Amino acid sequence: MKLGLQSVKNLPNLNDLQVFLQVARRFSFTSVADELGMSPAFVSKRIRMLETDLGLRLLHRSTRNVSLTDDGERVLRWAQTLLHQVGQLEAQID
């Protein structure tokens, strides 16, 4: 899989990427929801919307476990770089 504008149906929402990064680091919708002051259902919805935007399944979900798919691991690396660069841009603009 190659991430590029040709393979992305819709550009992902940066806030959804942030939520995905948190879930990928903690492997828990509930702990991320608590940290962000959101419901677990809302966190799950944002992840589903990101998966729809990218046309990829990012996470394996069960009642007890959350883990990254192969695509999820690739998107995680891409999102970390992208969000870091966005942060640097914001710092330069301020």
PDB file of N, CA and C in Angstrom:
ATOM      1  N   MET A   1       0.839  -1.176   0.000  1.00  0.00           N
ATOM      2  CA  MET A   1       0.000   0.000   0.000  1.00  0.00           C
ATOM      3  C   MET A   1       0.880   1.235   0.000  1.00  0.00           C
ATOM      4  N   LYS A   2       0.544   2.172  -0.833  1.00  0.00           N
ATOM      5  CA  LYS A   2       1.278   3.419  -0.910  1.00  0.00           C
ATOM      6  C   LYS A   2       0.292   4.537  -0.618  1.00  0.00           C
ATOM      7  N   LEU A   3       0.614   5.331   0.401  1.00  0.00           N
ATOM      8  CA  LEU A   3      -0.257   6.463   0.692  1.00  0.00           C
ATOM      9  C   LEU A   3       0.091   7.598  -0.248  1.00  0.00           C
ATOM     10  N   GLY A   4      -0.861   8.081  -0.936  1.00  0.00           N
ATOM     11  CA  GLY A   4      -0.699   9.196  -1.840  1.00  0.00           C
ATOM     12  C   GLY A   4      -2.073   9.748  -2.147  1.00  0.00           C
ATOM     13  N   LEU A   5      -2.117  10.884  -2.743  1.00  0.00           N
ATOM     14  CA  LEU A   5      -3.406  11.491  -3.015  1.00  0.00           C
ATOM     15  C   LEU A   5      -4.264  10.627  -3.928  1.00  0.00           C
ATOM     16  N   GLN A   6      -3.635   9.824  -4.787  1.00  0.00           N
ATOM     17  CA  GLN A   6      -4.412   8.980  -5.679  1.00  0.00           C
ATOM     18  C   GLN A   6      -5.143   7.885  -4.906  1.00  0.00           C
ATOM     19  N   SER A   7      -4.556   7.404  -3.790  1.00  0.00           N
ATOM     20  CA  SER A   7      -5.160   6.283  -3.074  1.00  0.00           C
ATOM     21  C   SER A   7      -6.077   6.732  -1.943  1.00  0.00           C
ATOM     22  N   VAL A   8      -6.130   8.020  -1.659  1.00  0.00           N
ATOM     23  CA  VAL A   8      -6.961   8.529  -0.575  1.00  0.00           C
ATOM     24  C   VAL A   8      -8.245   9.082  -1.176  1.00  0.00           C
ATOM     25  N   LYS A   9      -9.374   8.520  -0.762  1.00  0.00           N
ATOM     26  CA  LYS A   9     -10.663   8.971  -1.288  1.00  0.00           C
ATOM     27  C   LYS A   9     -10.950  10.394  -0.838  1.00  0.00           C
ATOM     28  N   ASN A  10     -10.767  10.657   0.446  1.00  0.00           N
ATOM     29  CA  ASN A  10     -10.942  11.980   1.023  1.00  0.00           C
ATOM     30  C   ASN A  10      -9.735  12.247   1.912  1.00  0.00           C
ATOM     31  N   LEU A  11      -9.285  13.482   1.941  1.00  0.00           N
ATOM     32  CA  LEU A  11      -8.180  13.797   2.839  1.00  0.00           C
ATOM     33  C   LEU A  11      -8.644  13.624   4.278  1.00  0.00           C
ATOM     34  N   PRO A  12      -7.811  13.023   5.114  1.00  0.00           N
ATOM     35  CA  PRO A  12      -8.225  12.761   6.491  1.00  0.00           C
ATOM     36  C   PRO A  12      -8.273  14.027   7.334  1.00  0.00           C
ATOM     37  N   ASN A  13      -9.167  14.029   8.278  1.00  0.00           N
ATOM     38  CA  ASN A  13      -9.305  15.099   9.256  1.00  0.00           C
ATOM     39  C   ASN A  13      -8.135  15.001  10.232  1.00  0.00           C
ATOM     40  N   LEU A  14      -7.432  16.111  10.465  1.00  0.00           N
ATOM     41  CA  LEU A  14      -6.273  16.088  11.359  1.00  0.00           C
ATOM     42  C   LEU A  14      -6.658  15.705  12.788  1.00  0.00           C
ATOM     43  N   ASN A  15      -7.829  16.122  13.233  1.00  0.00           N
ATOM     44  CA  ASN A  15      -8.269  15.735  14.578  1.00  0.00           C
ATOM     45  C   ASN A  15      -8.500  14.228  14.666  1.00  0.00           C
ATOM     46  N   ASP A  16      -9.023  13.640  13.594  1.00  0.00           N
ATOM     47  CA  ASP A  16      -9.214  12.189  13.568  1.00  0.00           C
ATOM     48  C   ASP A  16      -7.869  11.471  13.594  1.00  0.00           C
ATOM     49  N   LEU A  17      -6.878  12.030  12.910  1.00  0.00           N
ATOM     50  CA  LEU A  17      -5.537  11.443  12.957  1.00  0.00           C
ATOM     51  C   LEU A  17      -4.974  11.495  14.374  1.00  0.00           C
ATOM     52  N   GLN A  18      -5.211  12.597  15.077  1.00  0.00           N
ATOM     53  CA  GLN A  18      -4.757  12.718  16.474  1.00  0.00           C
ATOM     54  C   GLN A  18      -5.413  11.655  17.340  1.00  0.00           C
ATOM     55  N   VAL A  19      -6.712  11.475  17.175  1.00  0.00           N
ATOM     56  CA  VAL A  19      -7.433  10.447  17.941  1.00  0.00           C
ATOM     57  C   VAL A  19      -6.869   9.073  17.622  1.00  0.00           C
ATOM     58  N   PHE A  20      -6.633   8.808  16.340  1.00  0.00           N
ATOM     59  CA  PHE A  20      -6.063   7.524  15.935  1.00  0.00           C
ATOM     60  C   PHE A  20      -4.703   7.298  16.596  1.00  0.00           C
ATOM     61  N   LEU A  21      -3.851   8.321  16.606  1.00  0.00           N
ATOM     62  CA  LEU A  21      -2.538   8.182  17.249  1.00  0.00           C
ATOM     63  C   LEU A  21      -2.681   7.812  18.721  1.00  0.00           C
ATOM     64  N   GLN A  22      -3.620   8.450  19.401  1.00  0.00           N
ATOM     65  CA  GLN A  22      -3.825   8.156  20.825  1.00  0.00           C
ATOM     66  C   GLN A  22      -4.283   6.707  21.009  1.00  0.00           C
ATOM     67  N   VAL A  23      -5.229   6.262  20.189  1.00  0.00           N
ATOM     68  CA  VAL A  23      -5.729   4.884  20.292  1.00  0.00           C
ATOM     69  C   VAL A  23      -4.604   3.899  19.965  1.00  0.00           C
ATOM     70  N   ALA A  24      -3.816   4.216  18.946  1.00  0.00           N
ATOM     71  CA  ALA A  24      -2.723   3.325  18.541  1.00  0.00           C
ATOM     72  C   ALA A  24      -1.661   3.218  19.634  1.00  0.00           C
ATOM     73  N   ARG A  25      -1.455   4.265  20.399  1.00  0.00           N
ATOM     74  CA  ARG A  25      -0.464   4.248  21.487  1.00  0.00           C
ATOM     75  C   ARG A  25      -0.976   3.531  22.722  1.00  0.00           C
ATOM     76  N   ARG A  26      -2.273   3.657  22.995  1.00  0.00           N
ATOM     77  CA  ARG A  26      -2.841   3.095  24.227  1.00  0.00           C
ATOM     78  C   ARG A  26      -3.591   1.779  24.014  1.00  0.00           C
ATOM     79  N   PHE A  27      -3.931   1.476  22.770  1.00  0.00           N
ATOM     80  CA  PHE A  27      -4.707   0.279  22.440  1.00  0.00           C
ATOM     81  C   PHE A  27      -6.001   0.218  23.246  1.00  0.00           C
ATOM     82  N   SER A  28      -6.618   1.400  23.433  1.00  0.00           N
ATOM     83  CA  SER A  28      -7.849   1.464  24.220  1.00  0.00           C
ATOM     84  C   SER A  28      -8.673   2.675  23.804  1.00  0.00           C
ATOM     85  N   PHE A  29      -9.903   2.415  23.409  1.00  0.00           N
ATOM     86  CA  PHE A  29     -10.827   3.503  23.106  1.00  0.00           C
ATOM     87  C   PHE A  29     -11.245   4.210  24.391  1.00  0.00           C
ATOM     88  N   THR A  30     -11.451   3.432  25.440  1.00  0.00           N
ATOM     89  CA  THR A  30     -11.947   3.988  26.701  1.00  0.00           C
ATOM     90  C   THR A  30     -10.944   4.934  27.341  1.00  0.00           C
ATOM     91  N   SER A  31      -9.677   4.549  27.418  1.00  0.00           N
ATOM     92  CA  SER A  31      -8.695   5.429  28.051  1.00  0.00           C
ATOM     93  C   SER A  31      -8.481   6.705  27.240  1.00  0.00           C
ATOM     94  N   VAL A  32      -8.529   6.589  25.925  1.00  0.00           N
ATOM     95  CA  VAL A  32      -8.407   7.784  25.082  1.00  0.00           C
ATOM     96  C   VAL A  32      -9.628   8.680  25.261  1.00  0.00           C
ATOM     97  N   ALA A  33     -10.798   8.079  25.309  1.00  0.00           N
ATOM     98  CA  ALA A  33     -12.021   8.858  25.521  1.00  0.00           C
ATOM     99  C   ALA A  33     -11.957   9.606  26.844  1.00  0.00           C
ATOM    100  N   ASP A  34     -11.523   8.923  27.897  1.00  0.00           N
ATOM    101  CA  ASP A  34     -11.403   9.573  29.209  1.00  0.00           C
ATOM    102  C   ASP A  34     -10.423  10.738  29.156  1.00  0.00           C
ATOM    103  N   GLU A  35      -9.281  10.519  28.518  1.00  0.00           N
ATOM    104  CA  GLU A  35      -8.258  11.561  28.436  1.00  0.00           C
ATOM    105  C   GLU A  35      -8.742  12.773  27.653  1.00  0.00           C
ATOM    106  N   LEU A  36      -9.497  12.529  26.578  1.00  0.00           N
ATOM    107  CA  LEU A  36      -9.946  13.619  25.711  1.00  0.00           C
ATOM    108  C   LEU A  36     -11.296  14.203  26.118  1.00  0.00           C
ATOM    109  N   GLY A  37     -11.924  13.616  27.140  1.00  0.00           N
ATOM    110  CA  GLY A  37     -13.230  14.104  27.574  1.00  0.00           C
ATOM    111  C   GLY A  37     -14.333  13.779  26.585  1.00  0.00           C
ATOM    112  N   MET A  38     -14.217  12.634  25.938  1.00  0.00           N
ATOM    113  CA  MET A  38     -15.198  12.194  24.947  1.00  0.00           C
ATOM    114  C   MET A  38     -15.760  10.853  25.394  1.00  0.00           C
ATOM    115  N   SER A  39     -16.804  10.411  24.745  1.00  0.00           N
ATOM    116  CA  SER A  39     -17.325   9.072  25.021  1.00  0.00           C
ATOM    117  C   SER A  39     -16.549   8.062  24.172  1.00  0.00           C
ATOM    118  N   PRO A  40     -16.436   6.815  24.635  1.00  0.00           N
ATOM    119  CA  PRO A  40     -15.797   5.788  23.801  1.00  0.00           C
ATOM    120  C   PRO A  40     -16.500   5.622  22.450  1.00  0.00           C
ATOM    121  N   ALA A  41     -17.808   5.794  22.421  1.00  0.00           N
ATOM    122  CA  ALA A  41     -18.555   5.683  21.164  1.00  0.00           C
ATOM    123  C   ALA A  41     -18.129   6.775  20.180  1.00  0.00           C
ATOM    124  N   PHE A  42     -17.886   7.983  20.694  1.00  0.00           N
ATOM    125  CA  PHE A  42     -17.456   9.081  19.831  1.00  0.00           C
ATOM    126  C   PHE A  42     -16.055   8.808  19.282  1.00  0.00           C
ATOM    127  N   VAL A  43     -15.158   8.298  20.120  1.00  0.00           N
ATOM    128  CA  VAL A  43     -13.807   7.951  19.671  1.00  0.00           C
ATOM    129  C   VAL A  43     -13.894   6.881  18.583  1.00  0.00           C
ATOM    130  N   SER A  44     -14.711   5.870  18.810  1.00  0.00           N
ATOM    131  CA  SER A  44     -14.894   4.811  17.826  1.00  0.00           C
ATOM    132  C   SER A  44     -15.437   5.369  16.512  1.00  0.00           C
ATOM    133  N   LYS A  45     -16.378   6.292  16.604  1.00  0.00           N
ATOM    134  CA  LYS A  45     -16.956   6.909  15.405  1.00  0.00           C
ATOM    135  C   LYS A  45     -15.892   7.675  14.627  1.00  0.00           C
ATOM    136  N   ARG A  46     -15.027   8.411  15.317  1.00  0.00           N
ATOM    137  CA  ARG A  46     -13.971   9.177  14.640  1.00  0.00           C
ATOM    138  C   ARG A  46     -13.001   8.235  13.928  1.00  0.00           C
ATOM    139  N   ILE A  47     -12.689   7.094  14.558  1.00  0.00           N
ATOM    140  CA  ILE A  47     -11.804   6.121  13.924  1.00  0.00           C
ATOM    141  C   ILE A  47     -12.473   5.533  12.682  1.00  0.00           C
ATOM    142  N   ARG A  48     -13.764   5.204  12.799  1.00  0.00           N
ATOM    143  CA  ARG A  48     -14.483   4.674  11.640  1.00  0.00           C
ATOM    144  C   ARG A  48     -14.507   5.685  10.495  1.00  0.00           C
ATOM    145  N   MET A  49     -14.692   6.960  10.829  1.00  0.00           N
ATOM    146  CA  MET A  49     -14.712   8.000   9.791  1.00  0.00           C
ATOM    147  C   MET A  49     -13.339   8.121   9.122  1.00  0.00           C
ATOM    148  N   LEU A  50     -12.273   8.023   9.914  1.00  0.00           N
ATOM    149  CA  LEU A  50     -10.928   8.067   9.350  1.00  0.00           C
ATOM    150  C   LEU A  50     -10.700   6.868   8.436  1.00  0.00           C
ATOM    151  N   GLU A  51     -11.125   5.689   8.879  1.00  0.00           N
ATOM    152  CA  GLU A  51     -10.991   4.489   8.040  1.00  0.00           C
ATOM    153  C   GLU A  51     -11.760   4.656   6.731  1.00  0.00           C
ATOM    154  N   THR A  52     -12.923   5.241   6.804  1.00  0.00           N
ATOM    155  CA  THR A  52     -13.719   5.487   5.599  1.00  0.00           C
ATOM    156  C   THR A  52     -13.016   6.477   4.684  1.00  0.00           C
ATOM    157  N   ASP A  53     -12.513   7.570   5.256  1.00  0.00           N
ATOM    158  CA  ASP A  53     -11.806   8.573   4.456  1.00  0.00           C
ATOM    159  C   ASP A  53     -10.603   7.981   3.739  1.00  0.00           C
ATOM    160  N   LEU A  54      -9.861   7.115   4.431  1.00  0.00           N
ATOM    161  CA  LEU A  54      -8.659   6.525   3.861  1.00  0.00           C
ATOM    162  C   LEU A  54      -8.943   5.289   3.011  1.00  0.00           C
ATOM    163  N   GLY A  55     -10.124   4.711   3.196  1.00  0.00           N
ATOM    164  CA  GLY A  55     -10.452   3.474   2.493  1.00  0.00           C
ATOM    165  C   GLY A  55      -9.656   2.288   3.006  1.00  0.00           C
ATOM    166  N   LEU A  56      -9.296   2.325   4.298  1.00  0.00           N
ATOM    167  CA  LEU A  56      -8.467   1.293   4.917  1.00  0.00           C
ATOM    168  C   LEU A  56      -9.028   0.891   6.266  1.00  0.00           C
ATOM    169  N   ARG A  57      -8.786  -0.327   6.652  1.00  0.00           N
ATOM    170  CA  ARG A  57      -9.085  -0.767   8.023  1.00  0.00           C
ATOM    171  C   ARG A  57      -7.794  -0.583   8.825  1.00  0.00           C
ATOM    172  N   LEU A  58      -7.856   0.241   9.867  1.00  0.00           N
ATOM    173  CA  LEU A  58      -6.667   0.593  10.633  1.00  0.00           C
ATOM    174  C   LEU A  58      -6.482  -0.248  11.888  1.00  0.00           C
ATOM    175  N   LEU A  59      -7.596  -0.703  12.462  1.00  0.00           N
ATOM    176  CA  LEU A  59      -7.535  -1.398  13.743  1.00  0.00           C
ATOM    177  C   LEU A  59      -8.324  -2.696  13.715  1.00  0.00           C
ATOM    178  N   HIS A  60      -7.784  -3.695  14.415  1.00  0.00           N
ATOM    179  CA  HIS A  60      -8.547  -4.902  14.735  1.00  0.00           C
ATOM    180  C   HIS A  60      -9.205  -4.602  16.077  1.00  0.00           C
ATOM    181  N   ARG A  61     -10.514  -4.821  16.173  1.00  0.00           N
ATOM    182  CA  ARG A  61     -11.232  -4.537  17.409  1.00  0.00           C
ATOM    183  C   ARG A  61     -11.901  -5.803  17.905  1.00  0.00           C
ATOM    184  N   SER A  62     -11.839  -5.996  19.205  1.00  0.00           N
ATOM    185  CA  SER A  62     -12.640  -7.024  19.862  1.00  0.00           C
ATOM    186  C   SER A  62     -13.137  -6.406  21.158  1.00  0.00           C
ATOM    187  N   THR A  63     -13.912  -7.139  21.913  1.00  0.00           N
ATOM    188  CA  THR A  63     -14.433  -6.573  23.159  1.00  0.00           C
ATOM    189  C   THR A  63     -13.327  -6.293  24.162  1.00  0.00           C
ATOM    190  N   ARG A  64     -12.194  -6.975  24.025  1.00  0.00           N
ATOM    191  CA  ARG A  64     -11.114  -6.805  25.001  1.00  0.00           C
ATOM    192  C   ARG A  64      -9.818  -6.254  24.438  1.00  0.00           C
ATOM    193  N   ASN A  65      -9.657  -6.291  23.137  1.00  0.00           N
ATOM    194  CA  ASN A  65      -8.378  -5.897  22.547  1.00  0.00           C
ATOM    195  C   ASN A  65      -8.559  -4.959  21.361  1.00  0.00           C
ATOM    196  N   VAL A  66      -7.576  -4.094  21.208  1.00  0.00           N
ATOM    197  CA  VAL A  66      -7.457  -3.246  20.028  1.00  0.00           C
ATOM    198  C   VAL A  66      -6.018  -3.410  19.553  1.00  0.00           C
ATOM    199  N   SER A  67      -5.833  -3.680  18.278  1.00  0.00           N
ATOM    200  CA  SER A  67      -4.488  -3.789  17.724  1.00  0.00           C
ATOM    201  C   SER A  67      -4.483  -3.200  16.318  1.00  0.00           C
ATOM    202  N   LEU A  68      -3.299  -2.831  15.880  1.00  0.00           N
ATOM    203  CA  LEU A  68      -3.144  -2.234  14.555  1.00  0.00           C
ATOM    204  C   LEU A  68      -3.133  -3.294  13.461  1.00  0.00           C
ATOM    205  N   THR A  69      -3.772  -2.981  12.358  1.00  0.00           N
ATOM    206  CA  THR A  69      -3.625  -3.795  11.153  1.00  0.00           C
ATOM    207  C   THR A  69      -2.297  -3.412  10.495  1.00  0.00           C
ATOM    208  N   ASP A  70      -1.911  -4.123   9.453  1.00  0.00           N
ATOM    209  CA  ASP A  70      -0.707  -3.728   8.706  1.00  0.00           C
ATOM    210  C   ASP A  70      -0.876  -2.322   8.137  1.00  0.00           C
ATOM    211  N   ASP A  71      -2.059  -2.037   7.583  1.00  0.00           N
ATOM    212  CA  ASP A  71      -2.325  -0.688   7.081  1.00  0.00           C
ATOM    213  C   ASP A  71      -2.290   0.325   8.218  1.00  0.00           C
ATOM    214  N   GLY A  72      -2.808  -0.050   9.373  1.00  0.00           N
ATOM    215  CA  GLY A  72      -2.789   0.831  10.535  1.00  0.00           C
ATOM    216  C   GLY A  72      -1.379   1.196  10.958  1.00  0.00           C
ATOM    217  N   GLU A  73      -0.459   0.237  10.887  1.00  0.00           N
ATOM    218  CA  GLU A  73       0.935   0.524  11.232  1.00  0.00           C
ATOM    219  C   GLU A  73       1.549   1.514  10.254  1.00  0.00           C
ATOM    220  N   ARG A  74       1.245   1.354   8.967  1.00  0.00           N
ATOM    221  CA  ARG A  74       1.765   2.289   7.960  1.00  0.00           C
ATOM    222  C   ARG A  74       1.160   3.683   8.146  1.00  0.00           C
ATOM    223  N   VAL A  75      -0.146   3.740   8.397  1.00  0.00           N
ATOM    224  CA  VAL A  75      -0.801   5.032   8.593  1.00  0.00           C
ATOM    225  C   VAL A  75      -0.293   5.691   9.873  1.00  0.00           C
ATOM    226  N   LEU A  76      -0.011   4.911  10.895  1.00  0.00           N
ATOM    227  CA  LEU A  76       0.523   5.463  12.142  1.00  0.00           C
ATOM    228  C   LEU A  76       1.832   6.197  11.875  1.00  0.00           C
ATOM    229  N   ARG A  77       2.750   5.580  11.157  1.00  0.00           N
ATOM    230  CA  ARG A  77       4.031   6.232  10.855  1.00  0.00           C
ATOM    231  C   ARG A  77       3.815   7.495  10.019  1.00  0.00           C
ATOM    232  N   TRP A  78       2.939   7.395   9.026  1.00  0.00           N
ATOM    233  CA  TRP A  78       2.633   8.533   8.165  1.00  0.00           C
ATOM    234  C   TRP A  78       1.998   9.671   8.972  1.00  0.00           C
ATOM    235  N   ALA A  79       1.042   9.329   9.846  1.00  0.00           N
ATOM    236  CA  ALA A  79       0.334  10.335  10.639  1.00  0.00           C
ATOM    237  C   ALA A  79       1.268  11.018  11.629  1.00  0.00           C
ATOM    238  N   GLN A  80       2.181  10.260  12.227  1.00  0.00           N
ATOM    239  CA  GLN A  80       3.137  10.863  13.156  1.00  0.00           C
ATOM    240  C   GLN A  80       3.972  11.922  12.446  1.00  0.00           C
ATOM    241  N   THR A  81       4.452  11.602  11.270  1.00  0.00           N
ATOM    242  CA  THR A  81       5.255  12.550  10.493  1.00  0.00           C
ATOM    243  C   THR A  81       4.425  13.765  10.093  1.00  0.00           C
ATOM    244  N   LEU A  82       3.244  13.517   9.564  1.00  0.00           N
ATOM    245  CA  LEU A  82       2.374  14.601   9.113  1.00  0.00           C
ATOM    246  C   LEU A  82       2.018  15.541  10.265  1.00  0.00           C
ATOM    247  N   LEU A  83       1.592  14.989  11.391  1.00  0.00           N
ATOM    248  CA  LEU A  83       1.174  15.826  12.514  1.00  0.00           C
ATOM    249  C   LEU A  83       2.359  16.564  13.132  1.00  0.00           C
ATOM    250  N   HIS A  84       3.532  15.962  13.101  1.00  0.00           N
ATOM    251  CA  HIS A  84       4.739  16.655  13.574  1.00  0.00           C
ATOM    252  C   HIS A  84       5.018  17.864  12.679  1.00  0.00           C
ATOM    253  N   GLN A  85       4.907  17.667  11.363  1.00  0.00           N
ATOM    254  CA  GLN A  85       5.156  18.763  10.436  1.00  0.00           C
ATOM    255  C   GLN A  85       4.116  19.863  10.574  1.00  0.00           C
ATOM    256  N   VAL A  86       2.870  19.501  10.799  1.00  0.00           N
ATOM    257  CA  VAL A  86       1.817  20.493  11.025  1.00  0.00           C
ATOM    258  C   VAL A  86       2.126  21.287  12.293  1.00  0.00           C
ATOM    259  N   GLY A  87       2.576  20.601  13.340  1.00  0.00           N
ATOM    260  CA  GLY A  87       2.954  21.278  14.581  1.00  0.00           C
ATOM    261  C   GLY A  87       4.095  22.259  14.368  1.00  0.00           C
ATOM    262  N   GLN A  88       5.077  21.869  13.572  1.00  0.00           N
ATOM    263  CA  GLN A  88       6.191  22.772  13.274  1.00  0.00           C
ATOM    264  C   GLN A  88       5.712  23.989  12.498  1.00  0.00           C
ATOM    265  N   LEU A  89       4.818  23.788  11.560  1.00  0.00           N
ATOM    266  CA  LEU A  89       4.266  24.907  10.793  1.00  0.00           C
ATOM    267  C   LEU A  89       3.517  25.867  11.711  1.00  0.00           C
ATOM    268  N   GLU A  90       2.687  25.303  12.602  1.00  0.00           N
ATOM    269  CA  GLU A  90       1.930  26.153  13.532  1.00  0.00           C
ATOM    270  C   GLU A  90       2.868  26.952  14.415  1.00  0.00           C
ATOM    271  N   ALA A  91       3.962  26.348  14.871  1.00  0.00           N
ATOM    272  CA  ALA A  91       4.931  27.040  15.723  1.00  0.00           C
ATOM    273  C   ALA A  91       5.604  28.185  14.974  1.00  0.00           C
ATOM    274  N   GLN A  92       5.876  27.997  13.692  1.00  0.00           N
ATOM    275  CA  GLN A  92       6.515  29.050  12.901  1.00  0.00           C
ATOM    276  C   GLN A  92       5.562  30.191  12.608  1.00  0.00           C
ATOM    277  N   ILE A  93       4.293  29.878  12.483  1.00  0.00           N
ATOM    278  CA  ILE A  93       3.294  30.910  12.169  1.00  0.00           C
ATOM    279  C   ILE A  93       3.005  31.763  13.386  1.00  0.00           C
ATOM    280  N   ASP A  94       2.986  31.161  14.567  1.00  0.00           N
ATOM    281  CA  ASP A  94       2.641  31.908  15.802  1.00  0.00           C
ATOM    282  C   ASP A  94       3.658  32.934  16.154  1.00  0.00           C
TER     283      ASP A  94
END
